Amino acid sequence: MRKVPILAGFLAAAFLLAVAVAARGQSGILAPASVVKPRAYVSLEPVPRGKEFEVAVVASIVTGYHVNSHKPTDPYLIPTTVSAKLPKGFQLVDTIYPPGVEKRFPFSPDKPLNVYSGSVTLRLKLTAQKDAALGAATIPLTLRYQACNDAACLPPVSLPVEAKLRIAAAGTKPHPLHPEIFKSKAASAR
């Protein structure tokens, strides 16, 4: 019985959004979750217990859109972040965000915004602790951002991303993976 008011409210909100979009001539606006395509990569295979390693989230941003950097120019702007829900046996050492690029937009002609566009790589340094379960492991990640084009900003969105890896016994020799992403990270494999 309560589904009718919820559905009616949803339909009314969708109609108002469609009217607003049509009125502004923005018929080509994408759904917020479709603007960024994230993919996770792990720096080592396998990851030995007691070893530091990295997970990178490479976010491909649709041409014509941008997201705020991790350090936007104004406090009211939503930063791009990556966070991990670490399973038992993992510890976060650091999160590394690249610098954004200062760009001017028609909606902010006097003040450039610090943004990411094209492709951006966000990295997490982690340690597989001595009690990490051996074998296959998954680290759930969340990429949060607000996408904008030159005329409008979309609602913020949080996308789930998974990093899949294999944990091995301490002392196992790991192999570096994805050198194109983890440039000069061969030291992580020592």
N, C-alpha and C. Protein backbone atom coordinates (compact mmCIF):
# COMPACT_ATOMS: atom_id res chain seq x y z
N MET A 1 0.82 -1.20 0.00
CA MET A 1 0.00 0.00 0.00
C MET A 1 0.86 1.26 0.00
N ARG A 2 2.02 1.26 0.69
CA ARG A 2 2.86 2.44 0.75
C ARG A 2 3.67 2.62 -0.52
N LYS A 3 3.69 1.60 -1.40
CA LYS A 3 4.48 1.70 -2.62
C LYS A 3 3.94 2.77 -3.55
N VAL A 4 2.63 3.02 -3.53
CA VAL A 4 2.03 4.00 -4.44
C VAL A 4 2.56 5.41 -4.16
N PRO A 5 2.56 5.90 -2.88
CA PRO A 5 3.11 7.25 -2.66
C PRO A 5 4.60 7.34 -3.00
N ILE A 6 5.37 6.30 -2.70
CA ILE A 6 6.79 6.33 -3.02
C ILE A 6 6.99 6.38 -4.52
N LEU A 7 6.25 5.54 -5.25
CA LEU A 7 6.34 5.51 -6.70
C LEU A 7 5.89 6.83 -7.30
N ALA A 8 4.81 7.39 -6.76
CA ALA A 8 4.32 8.68 -7.26
C ALA A 8 5.35 9.78 -7.03
N GLY A 9 5.98 9.77 -5.85
CA GLY A 9 7.02 10.76 -5.56
C GLY A 9 8.21 10.61 -6.49
N PHE A 10 8.61 9.37 -6.73
CA PHE A 10 9.72 9.10 -7.64
C PHE A 10 9.38 9.58 -9.05
N LEU A 11 8.18 9.25 -9.53
CA LEU A 11 7.78 9.67 -10.88
C LEU A 11 7.70 11.19 -10.99
N ALA A 12 7.20 11.84 -9.95
CA ALA A 12 7.13 13.31 -9.97
C ALA A 12 8.53 13.91 -10.03
N ALA A 13 9.46 13.37 -9.22
CA ALA A 13 10.84 13.87 -9.24
C ALA A 13 11.48 13.62 -10.60
N ALA A 14 11.25 12.46 -11.18
CA ALA A 14 11.82 12.14 -12.50
C ALA A 14 11.25 13.08 -13.56
N PHE A 15 9.96 13.38 -13.47
CA PHE A 15 9.32 14.28 -14.43
C PHE A 15 9.91 15.68 -14.31
N LEU A 16 10.06 16.17 -13.07
CA LEU A 16 10.62 17.51 -12.86
C LEU A 16 12.06 17.59 -13.36
N LEU A 17 12.84 16.53 -13.13
CA LEU A 17 14.20 16.51 -13.64
C LEU A 17 14.20 16.53 -15.16
N ALA A 18 13.32 15.76 -15.78
CA ALA A 18 13.24 15.73 -17.25
C ALA A 18 12.85 17.10 -17.80
N VAL A 19 11.90 17.78 -17.14
CA VAL A 19 11.49 19.12 -17.56
C VAL A 19 12.66 20.09 -17.44
N ALA A 20 13.37 20.02 -16.30
CA ALA A 20 14.50 20.92 -16.09
C ALA A 20 15.60 20.67 -17.13
N VAL A 21 15.86 19.41 -17.41
CA VAL A 21 16.88 19.08 -18.41
C VAL A 21 16.46 19.59 -19.78
N ALA A 22 15.21 19.36 -20.17
CA ALA A 22 14.71 19.81 -21.47
C ALA A 22 14.75 21.33 -21.57
N ALA A 23 14.39 22.00 -20.47
CA ALA A 23 14.37 23.46 -20.47
C ALA A 23 15.77 24.03 -20.65
N ARG A 24 16.78 23.34 -20.17
CA ARG A 24 18.15 23.84 -20.28
C ARG A 24 18.84 23.34 -21.54
N GLY A 25 18.13 22.51 -22.31
CA GLY A 25 18.73 22.00 -23.54
C GLY A 25 19.82 20.98 -23.29
N GLN A 26 19.74 20.25 -22.22
CA GLN A 26 20.77 19.29 -21.84
C GLN A 26 20.31 17.85 -22.09
N SER A 27 19.71 17.58 -23.21
CA SER A 27 19.17 16.25 -23.46
C SER A 27 20.24 15.18 -23.50
N GLY A 28 21.50 15.55 -23.64
CA GLY A 28 22.57 14.57 -23.71
C GLY A 28 23.22 14.26 -22.37
N ILE A 29 22.62 14.64 -21.26
CA ILE A 29 23.21 14.40 -19.94
C ILE A 29 23.16 12.91 -19.62
N LEU A 30 24.26 12.40 -19.11
CA LEU A 30 24.37 10.99 -18.76
C LEU A 30 23.93 10.75 -17.33
N ALA A 31 23.64 9.50 -17.02
CA ALA A 31 23.37 9.11 -15.63
C ALA A 31 24.67 9.26 -14.85
N PRO A 32 24.62 9.75 -13.62
CA PRO A 32 25.85 10.00 -12.85
C PRO A 32 26.78 8.78 -12.76
N ALA A 33 26.23 7.60 -12.58
CA ALA A 33 27.05 6.40 -12.41
C ALA A 33 27.69 5.94 -13.72
N SER A 34 27.25 6.49 -14.86
CA SER A 34 27.81 6.04 -16.13
C SER A 34 28.92 6.97 -16.65
N VAL A 35 29.21 8.04 -15.94
CA VAL A 35 30.21 9.01 -16.39
C VAL A 35 31.64 8.51 -16.12
N VAL A 36 31.81 7.75 -15.05
CA VAL A 36 33.14 7.26 -14.67
C VAL A 36 33.10 5.73 -14.65
N LYS A 37 34.09 5.13 -15.29
CA LYS A 37 34.24 3.67 -15.31
C LYS A 37 35.50 3.32 -14.51
N PRO A 38 35.35 2.84 -13.27
CA PRO A 38 36.52 2.50 -12.47
C PRO A 38 36.92 1.03 -12.64
N ARG A 39 38.21 0.78 -12.50
CA ARG A 39 38.73 -0.58 -12.53
C ARG A 39 39.88 -0.67 -11.54
N ALA A 40 39.92 -1.76 -10.76
CA ALA A 40 40.96 -1.92 -9.74
C ALA A 40 42.07 -2.85 -10.22
N TYR A 41 43.30 -2.51 -9.82
CA TYR A 41 44.49 -3.29 -10.15
C TYR A 41 45.31 -3.49 -8.88
N VAL A 42 45.99 -4.63 -8.78
CA VAL A 42 46.84 -4.94 -7.63
C VAL A 42 48.28 -5.00 -8.11
N SER A 43 49.21 -4.52 -7.30
CA SER A 43 50.61 -4.39 -7.71
C SER A 43 51.42 -5.69 -7.65
N LEU A 44 50.99 -6.67 -6.88
CA LEU A 44 51.76 -7.91 -6.71
C LEU A 44 50.89 -9.16 -6.89
N GLU A 45 51.53 -10.24 -7.33
CA GLU A 45 50.88 -11.55 -7.42
C GLU A 45 51.90 -12.60 -7.06
N PRO A 46 51.69 -13.41 -6.04
CA PRO A 46 50.71 -13.19 -4.97
C PRO A 46 51.21 -12.11 -4.02
N VAL A 47 50.39 -11.77 -3.05
CA VAL A 47 50.78 -10.83 -2.01
C VAL A 47 51.15 -11.65 -0.78
N PRO A 48 52.42 -11.65 -0.39
CA PRO A 48 52.83 -12.43 0.79
C PRO A 48 52.36 -11.76 2.09
N ARG A 49 52.04 -12.58 3.05
CA ARG A 49 51.72 -12.05 4.39
C ARG A 49 52.89 -11.19 4.87
N GLY A 50 52.58 -10.07 5.52
CA GLY A 50 53.60 -9.18 6.05
C GLY A 50 54.17 -8.23 5.02
N LYS A 51 53.64 -8.24 3.81
CA LYS A 51 54.19 -7.43 2.71
C LYS A 51 53.30 -6.24 2.41
N GLU A 52 53.94 -5.09 2.10
CA GLU A 52 53.20 -3.92 1.63
C GLU A 52 52.96 -4.06 0.13
N PHE A 53 51.80 -3.65 -0.32
CA PHE A 53 51.45 -3.68 -1.74
C PHE A 53 50.52 -2.52 -2.03
N GLU A 54 50.17 -2.34 -3.30
CA GLU A 54 49.26 -1.25 -3.67
C GLU A 54 48.07 -1.77 -4.45
N VAL A 55 46.99 -1.04 -4.31
CA VAL A 55 45.81 -1.22 -5.14
C VAL A 55 45.58 0.12 -5.83
N ALA A 56 45.39 0.09 -7.13
CA ALA A 56 45.10 1.32 -7.88
C ALA A 56 43.69 1.23 -8.44
N VAL A 57 42.98 2.32 -8.35
CA VAL A 57 41.69 2.44 -9.03
C VAL A 57 41.92 3.41 -10.18
N VAL A 58 41.80 2.88 -11.39
CA VAL A 58 41.93 3.71 -12.59
C VAL A 58 40.51 4.08 -13.00
N ALA A 59 40.23 5.37 -12.98
CA ALA A 59 38.90 5.88 -13.30
C ALA A 59 38.94 6.57 -14.66
N SER A 60 38.21 6.00 -15.61
CA SER A 60 38.11 6.60 -16.95
C SER A 60 36.86 7.48 -16.97
N ILE A 61 37.06 8.76 -17.27
CA ILE A 61 35.97 9.75 -17.24
C ILE A 61 35.55 10.04 -18.68
N VAL A 62 34.24 9.98 -18.93
CA VAL A 62 33.69 10.19 -20.27
C VAL A 62 34.11 11.57 -20.78
N THR A 63 34.49 11.64 -22.05
CA THR A 63 34.86 12.90 -22.68
C THR A 63 33.73 13.91 -22.54
N GLY A 64 34.09 15.14 -22.20
CA GLY A 64 33.10 16.20 -22.02
C GLY A 64 32.68 16.38 -20.57
N TYR A 65 33.16 15.49 -19.70
CA TYR A 65 32.84 15.57 -18.26
C TYR A 65 34.14 15.68 -17.48
N HIS A 66 34.01 16.13 -16.24
CA HIS A 66 35.11 16.17 -15.30
C HIS A 66 34.55 15.88 -13.92
N VAL A 67 35.45 15.56 -12.99
CA VAL A 67 35.07 15.40 -11.58
C VAL A 67 36.02 16.29 -10.78
N ASN A 68 35.58 16.72 -9.62
CA ASN A 68 36.46 17.51 -8.76
C ASN A 68 37.64 16.66 -8.34
N SER A 69 38.79 17.27 -8.16
CA SER A 69 39.95 16.54 -7.66
C SER A 69 39.69 16.18 -6.19
N HIS A 70 40.67 15.53 -5.60
CA HIS A 70 40.56 15.19 -4.17
C HIS A 70 40.62 16.46 -3.31
N LYS A 71 41.22 17.51 -3.85
CA LYS A 71 41.32 18.79 -3.13
C LYS A 71 40.67 19.88 -3.98
N PRO A 72 39.31 19.92 -3.99
CA PRO A 72 38.65 20.94 -4.80
C PRO A 72 38.94 22.35 -4.28
N THR A 73 38.71 23.32 -5.16
CA THR A 73 39.06 24.71 -4.84
C THR A 73 38.14 25.35 -3.81
N ASP A 74 36.93 24.86 -3.65
CA ASP A 74 36.01 25.42 -2.67
C ASP A 74 35.51 24.32 -1.74
N PRO A 75 35.27 24.65 -0.46
CA PRO A 75 34.86 23.63 0.50
C PRO A 75 33.48 23.01 0.20
N TYR A 76 32.63 23.70 -0.56
CA TYR A 76 31.31 23.15 -0.86
C TYR A 76 31.34 22.14 -2.01
N LEU A 77 32.46 22.07 -2.74
CA LEU A 77 32.58 21.12 -3.84
C LEU A 77 32.91 19.73 -3.29
N ILE A 78 32.37 18.72 -3.93
CA ILE A 78 32.53 17.34 -3.46
C ILE A 78 33.83 16.75 -4.02
N PRO A 79 34.75 16.35 -3.15
CA PRO A 79 36.01 15.79 -3.63
C PRO A 79 35.83 14.37 -4.16
N THR A 80 36.71 13.96 -5.04
CA THR A 80 36.76 12.58 -5.48
C THR A 80 37.56 11.81 -4.45
N THR A 81 37.01 10.69 -3.98
CA THR A 81 37.69 9.88 -2.98
C THR A 81 37.59 8.40 -3.33
N VAL A 82 38.53 7.64 -2.81
CA VAL A 82 38.46 6.18 -2.87
C VAL A 82 38.66 5.69 -1.43
N SER A 83 37.82 4.75 -1.03
CA SER A 83 37.93 4.19 0.32
C SER A 83 37.81 2.68 0.23
N ALA A 84 38.33 2.02 1.23
CA ALA A 84 38.33 0.56 1.26
C ALA A 84 37.65 0.06 2.52
N LYS A 85 36.89 -1.00 2.38
CA LYS A 85 36.34 -1.71 3.53
C LYS A 85 37.23 -2.95 3.69
N LEU A 86 38.25 -2.78 4.50
CA LEU A 86 39.29 -3.80 4.57
C LEU A 86 38.85 -5.03 5.34
N PRO A 87 39.04 -6.21 4.73
CA PRO A 87 38.78 -7.44 5.46
C PRO A 87 39.81 -7.62 6.57
N LYS A 88 39.53 -8.51 7.50
CA LYS A 88 40.48 -8.82 8.57
C LYS A 88 41.81 -9.24 7.94
N GLY A 89 42.89 -8.74 8.50
CA GLY A 89 44.21 -9.11 8.01
C GLY A 89 44.83 -8.11 7.05
N PHE A 90 44.16 -6.98 6.82
CA PHE A 90 44.71 -5.94 5.94
C PHE A 90 44.74 -4.62 6.70
N GLN A 91 45.75 -3.81 6.39
CA GLN A 91 45.88 -2.50 7.02
C GLN A 91 46.15 -1.46 5.95
N LEU A 92 45.45 -0.33 6.03
CA LEU A 92 45.68 0.79 5.13
C LEU A 92 46.89 1.58 5.62
N VAL A 93 47.86 1.79 4.74
CA VAL A 93 49.06 2.55 5.07
C VAL A 93 48.88 4.00 4.60
N ASP A 94 48.36 4.18 3.38
CA ASP A 94 48.22 5.53 2.83
C ASP A 94 47.29 5.49 1.62
N THR A 95 46.67 6.62 1.33
CA THR A 95 45.90 6.81 0.11
C THR A 95 46.56 7.95 -0.65
N ILE A 96 46.84 7.71 -1.94
CA ILE A 96 47.58 8.68 -2.74
C ILE A 96 46.70 9.17 -3.88
N TYR A 97 46.48 10.49 -3.90
CA TYR A 97 45.68 11.12 -4.94
C TYR A 97 46.59 11.97 -5.81
N PRO A 98 46.44 11.92 -7.11
CA PRO A 98 47.24 12.79 -7.97
C PRO A 98 46.73 14.22 -7.88
N PRO A 99 47.57 15.19 -8.22
CA PRO A 99 47.08 16.57 -8.26
C PRO A 99 46.07 16.72 -9.39
N GLY A 100 45.12 17.59 -9.19
CA GLY A 100 44.17 17.89 -10.25
C GLY A 100 44.75 18.92 -11.20
N VAL A 101 43.94 19.31 -12.17
CA VAL A 101 44.33 20.33 -13.15
C VAL A 101 43.39 21.51 -12.97
N GLU A 102 43.94 22.71 -12.94
CA GLU A 102 43.13 23.93 -12.82
C GLU A 102 42.50 24.24 -14.18
N LYS A 103 41.15 24.30 -14.22
CA LYS A 103 40.44 24.62 -15.46
C LYS A 103 39.34 25.62 -15.18
N ARG A 104 39.10 26.48 -16.17
CA ARG A 104 37.98 27.43 -16.10
C ARG A 104 36.82 26.86 -16.90
N PHE A 105 35.61 27.12 -16.40
CA PHE A 105 34.39 26.65 -17.05
C PHE A 105 33.42 27.81 -17.19
N PRO A 106 32.47 27.72 -18.13
CA PRO A 106 31.50 28.80 -18.31
C PRO A 106 30.75 29.16 -17.03
N PHE A 107 30.51 28.18 -16.16
CA PHE A 107 29.77 28.47 -14.93
C PHE A 107 30.68 29.03 -13.83
N SER A 108 31.99 29.06 -14.06
CA SER A 108 32.95 29.60 -13.10
C SER A 108 34.08 30.31 -13.86
N PRO A 109 33.75 31.38 -14.62
CA PRO A 109 34.75 32.00 -15.49
C PRO A 109 35.88 32.71 -14.75
N ASP A 110 35.61 33.18 -13.54
CA ASP A 110 36.62 33.95 -12.81
C ASP A 110 37.49 33.10 -11.89
N LYS A 111 37.03 31.91 -11.57
CA LYS A 111 37.77 31.08 -10.63
C LYS A 111 37.95 29.68 -11.22
N PRO A 112 39.18 29.29 -11.53
CA PRO A 112 39.39 27.94 -12.06
C PRO A 112 39.09 26.89 -10.99
N LEU A 113 38.66 25.73 -11.45
CA LEU A 113 38.37 24.61 -10.55
C LEU A 113 39.47 23.57 -10.71
N ASN A 114 39.75 22.86 -9.63
CA ASN A 114 40.75 21.81 -9.63
C ASN A 114 40.04 20.49 -9.91
N VAL A 115 40.28 19.92 -11.09
CA VAL A 115 39.48 18.77 -11.54
C VAL A 115 40.35 17.66 -12.12
N TYR A 116 39.71 16.51 -12.28
CA TYR A 116 40.25 15.39 -13.03
C TYR A 116 39.39 15.21 -14.27
N SER A 117 40.01 14.88 -15.39
CA SER A 117 39.27 14.52 -16.60
C SER A 117 40.09 13.49 -17.35
N GLY A 118 39.48 12.84 -18.31
CA GLY A 118 40.18 11.80 -19.06
C GLY A 118 40.30 10.54 -18.23
N SER A 119 41.48 10.30 -17.67
CA SER A 119 41.72 9.14 -16.83
C SER A 119 42.53 9.58 -15.62
N VAL A 120 42.19 9.04 -14.46
CA VAL A 120 42.91 9.38 -13.23
C VAL A 120 43.15 8.08 -12.45
N THR A 121 44.32 7.99 -11.82
CA THR A 121 44.66 6.81 -11.03
C THR A 121 44.80 7.20 -9.56
N LEU A 122 44.00 6.57 -8.72
CA LEU A 122 44.01 6.77 -7.27
C LEU A 122 44.62 5.50 -6.66
N ARG A 123 45.56 5.66 -5.72
CA ARG A 123 46.25 4.48 -5.20
C ARG A 123 46.11 4.37 -3.69
N LEU A 124 46.01 3.12 -3.25
CA LEU A 124 46.01 2.81 -1.82
C LEU A 124 47.21 1.93 -1.54
N LYS A 125 48.00 2.32 -0.52
CA LYS A 125 49.09 1.47 -0.04
C LYS A 125 48.52 0.66 1.11
N LEU A 126 48.70 -0.65 1.03
CA LEU A 126 48.15 -1.57 2.02
C LEU A 126 49.22 -2.53 2.50
N THR A 127 48.96 -3.16 3.62
CA THR A 127 49.81 -4.25 4.11
C THR A 127 48.93 -5.46 4.34
N ALA A 128 49.41 -6.61 3.85
CA ALA A 128 48.79 -7.89 4.19
C ALA A 128 49.44 -8.33 5.49
N GLN A 129 48.68 -8.32 6.55
CA GLN A 129 49.23 -8.62 7.86
C GLN A 129 49.50 -10.12 8.01
N LYS A 130 50.19 -10.46 9.08
CA LYS A 130 50.58 -11.86 9.30
C LYS A 130 49.39 -12.78 9.51
N ASP A 131 48.21 -12.22 9.85
CA ASP A 131 47.03 -13.06 10.05
C ASP A 131 46.06 -13.00 8.86
N ALA A 132 46.48 -12.42 7.74
CA ALA A 132 45.62 -12.39 6.54
C ALA A 132 45.36 -13.83 6.09
N ALA A 133 44.13 -14.13 5.75
CA ALA A 133 43.77 -15.47 5.31
C ALA A 133 44.48 -15.80 4.00
N LEU A 134 45.06 -16.99 3.93
CA LEU A 134 45.74 -17.44 2.72
C LEU A 134 44.73 -17.73 1.62
N GLY A 135 45.13 -17.50 0.37
CA GLY A 135 44.26 -17.79 -0.77
C GLY A 135 43.64 -16.54 -1.35
N ALA A 136 42.56 -16.76 -2.10
CA ALA A 136 41.89 -15.65 -2.79
C ALA A 136 41.29 -14.68 -1.78
N ALA A 137 41.39 -13.39 -2.10
CA ALA A 137 40.83 -12.34 -1.25
C ALA A 137 40.23 -11.25 -2.13
N THR A 138 39.25 -10.57 -1.59
CA THR A 138 38.62 -9.45 -2.28
C THR A 138 38.59 -8.27 -1.32
N ILE A 139 39.02 -7.12 -1.81
CA ILE A 139 38.95 -5.89 -1.03
C ILE A 139 37.89 -5.00 -1.67
N PRO A 140 36.75 -4.79 -0.97
CA PRO A 140 35.72 -3.89 -1.50
C PRO A 140 36.17 -2.43 -1.39
N LEU A 141 36.05 -1.71 -2.48
CA LEU A 141 36.41 -0.30 -2.56
C LEU A 141 35.20 0.52 -2.96
N THR A 142 35.22 1.79 -2.63
CA THR A 142 34.17 2.71 -3.05
C THR A 142 34.81 3.95 -3.66
N LEU A 143 34.43 4.25 -4.89
CA LEU A 143 34.86 5.48 -5.56
C LEU A 143 33.70 6.46 -5.48
N ARG A 144 33.95 7.62 -4.87
CA ARG A 144 32.90 8.65 -4.74
C ARG A 144 33.34 9.88 -5.52
N TYR A 145 32.40 10.44 -6.29
CA TYR A 145 32.71 11.61 -7.11
C TYR A 145 31.42 12.34 -7.46
N GLN A 146 31.58 13.55 -7.98
CA GLN A 146 30.48 14.29 -8.58
C GLN A 146 30.94 14.72 -9.96
N ALA A 147 30.24 14.25 -10.97
CA ALA A 147 30.61 14.56 -12.35
C ALA A 147 29.87 15.81 -12.83
N CYS A 148 30.57 16.58 -13.66
CA CYS A 148 29.99 17.79 -14.24
C CYS A 148 30.41 17.86 -15.70
N ASN A 149 29.59 18.53 -16.49
CA ASN A 149 30.04 18.90 -17.84
C ASN A 149 30.21 20.42 -17.82
N ASP A 150 30.28 21.07 -18.98
CA ASP A 150 30.50 22.52 -19.00
C ASP A 150 29.30 23.33 -18.55
N ALA A 151 28.14 22.68 -18.41
CA ALA A 151 26.93 23.44 -18.09
C ALA A 151 26.26 23.04 -16.78
N ALA A 152 26.44 21.79 -16.34
CA ALA A 152 25.70 21.33 -15.17
C ALA A 152 26.48 20.25 -14.43
N CYS A 153 26.17 20.14 -13.14
CA CYS A 153 26.74 19.07 -12.32
C CYS A 153 25.66 18.05 -12.01
N LEU A 154 26.05 16.80 -12.01
CA LEU A 154 25.14 15.70 -11.70
C LEU A 154 25.19 15.43 -10.20
N PRO A 155 24.20 14.70 -9.68
CA PRO A 155 24.26 14.34 -8.26
C PRO A 155 25.50 13.49 -7.97
N PRO A 156 26.05 13.59 -6.75
CA PRO A 156 27.20 12.77 -6.39
C PRO A 156 26.82 11.29 -6.43
N VAL A 157 27.81 10.45 -6.66
CA VAL A 157 27.56 9.01 -6.73
C VAL A 157 28.73 8.27 -6.09
N SER A 158 28.42 7.11 -5.52
CA SER A 158 29.44 6.21 -4.97
C SER A 158 29.35 4.90 -5.73
N LEU A 159 30.46 4.52 -6.37
CA LEU A 159 30.49 3.28 -7.15
C LEU A 159 31.31 2.22 -6.43
N PRO A 160 30.79 0.99 -6.37
CA PRO A 160 31.59 -0.09 -5.80
C PRO A 160 32.61 -0.60 -6.82
N VAL A 161 33.78 -0.95 -6.32
CA VAL A 161 34.86 -1.51 -7.13
C VAL A 161 35.49 -2.61 -6.27
N GLU A 162 35.92 -3.69 -6.89
CA GLU A 162 36.56 -4.77 -6.13
C GLU A 162 37.98 -4.99 -6.60
N ALA A 163 38.88 -5.15 -5.64
CA ALA A 163 40.25 -5.54 -5.93
C ALA A 163 40.39 -7.01 -5.55
N LYS A 164 40.72 -7.84 -6.51
CA LYS A 164 40.88 -9.27 -6.26
C LYS A 164 42.37 -9.61 -6.25
N LEU A 165 42.77 -10.40 -5.26
CA LEU A 165 44.16 -10.76 -5.10
C LEU A 165 44.29 -12.13 -4.45
N ARG A 166 45.53 -12.58 -4.33
CA ARG A 166 45.80 -13.86 -3.70
C ARG A 166 46.86 -13.64 -2.63
N ILE A 167 46.59 -14.12 -1.43
CA ILE A 167 47.50 -13.99 -0.31
C ILE A 167 48.31 -15.29 -0.19
N ALA A 168 49.63 -15.14 -0.03
CA ALA A 168 50.53 -16.29 0.10
C ALA A 168 51.25 -16.21 1.44
N ALA A 169 51.91 -17.28 1.78
CA ALA A 169 52.67 -17.34 3.03
C ALA A 169 53.79 -16.30 3.03
N ALA A 170 54.16 -15.87 4.22
CA ALA A 170 55.28 -14.92 4.36
C ALA A 170 56.52 -15.52 3.72
N GLY A 171 57.29 -14.69 3.04
CA GLY A 171 58.52 -15.16 2.39
C GLY A 171 58.33 -15.61 0.96
N THR A 172 57.08 -15.74 0.50
CA THR A 172 56.82 -16.10 -0.90
C THR A 172 57.29 -14.96 -1.79
N LYS A 173 57.94 -15.29 -2.89
CA LYS A 173 58.43 -14.25 -3.81
C LYS A 173 57.26 -13.78 -4.68
N PRO A 174 56.89 -12.51 -4.59
CA PRO A 174 55.81 -11.98 -5.43
C PRO A 174 56.34 -11.51 -6.78
N HIS A 175 55.45 -11.40 -7.73
CA HIS A 175 55.78 -10.85 -9.05
C HIS A 175 55.06 -9.52 -9.22
N PRO A 176 55.78 -8.49 -9.67
CA PRO A 176 55.12 -7.20 -9.91
C PRO A 176 54.11 -7.33 -11.05
N LEU A 177 52.98 -6.67 -10.90
CA LEU A 177 51.94 -6.64 -11.92
C LEU A 177 51.71 -5.21 -12.38
N HIS A 178 51.22 -5.05 -13.58
CA HIS A 178 50.79 -3.76 -14.13
C HIS A 178 51.82 -2.64 -13.97
N PRO A 179 53.03 -2.84 -14.53
CA PRO A 179 54.06 -1.79 -14.40
C PRO A 179 53.63 -0.47 -15.04
N GLU A 180 52.70 -0.52 -15.99
CA GLU A 180 52.21 0.72 -16.60
C GLU A 180 51.42 1.57 -15.61
N ILE A 181 50.90 0.95 -14.56
CA ILE A 181 50.13 1.67 -13.54
C ILE A 181 51.01 1.96 -12.32
N PHE A 182 51.78 0.96 -11.90
CA PHE A 182 52.61 1.08 -10.70
C PHE A 182 54.06 1.37 -11.12
N LYS A 183 54.25 2.43 -11.89
CA LYS A 183 55.58 2.81 -12.40
C LYS A 183 56.62 2.81 -11.29
N SER A 184 57.74 2.22 -11.59
CA SER A 184 58.88 2.13 -10.67
C SER A 184 58.48 1.64 -9.28
N LYS A 185 57.51 0.77 -9.25
CA LYS A 185 57.09 0.20 -7.97
C LYS A 185 57.72 -1.17 -7.77
N ALA A 186 58.75 -1.47 -8.55
CA ALA A 186 59.41 -2.76 -8.42
C ALA A 186 59.94 -2.94 -7.01
N ALA A 187 60.22 -1.84 -6.34
CA ALA A 187 60.70 -1.93 -4.95
C ALA A 187 59.66 -2.60 -4.06
N SER A 188 58.38 -2.49 -4.43
CA SER A 188 57.32 -3.13 -3.65
C SER A 188 57.44 -4.64 -3.69
N ALA A 189 58.10 -5.17 -4.70
CA ALA A 189 58.18 -6.61 -4.85
C ALA A 189 59.38 -7.21 -4.12
N ARG A 190 60.24 -6.39 -3.57
CA ARG A 190 61.43 -6.91 -2.88
C ARG A 190 61.08 -7.59 -1.60
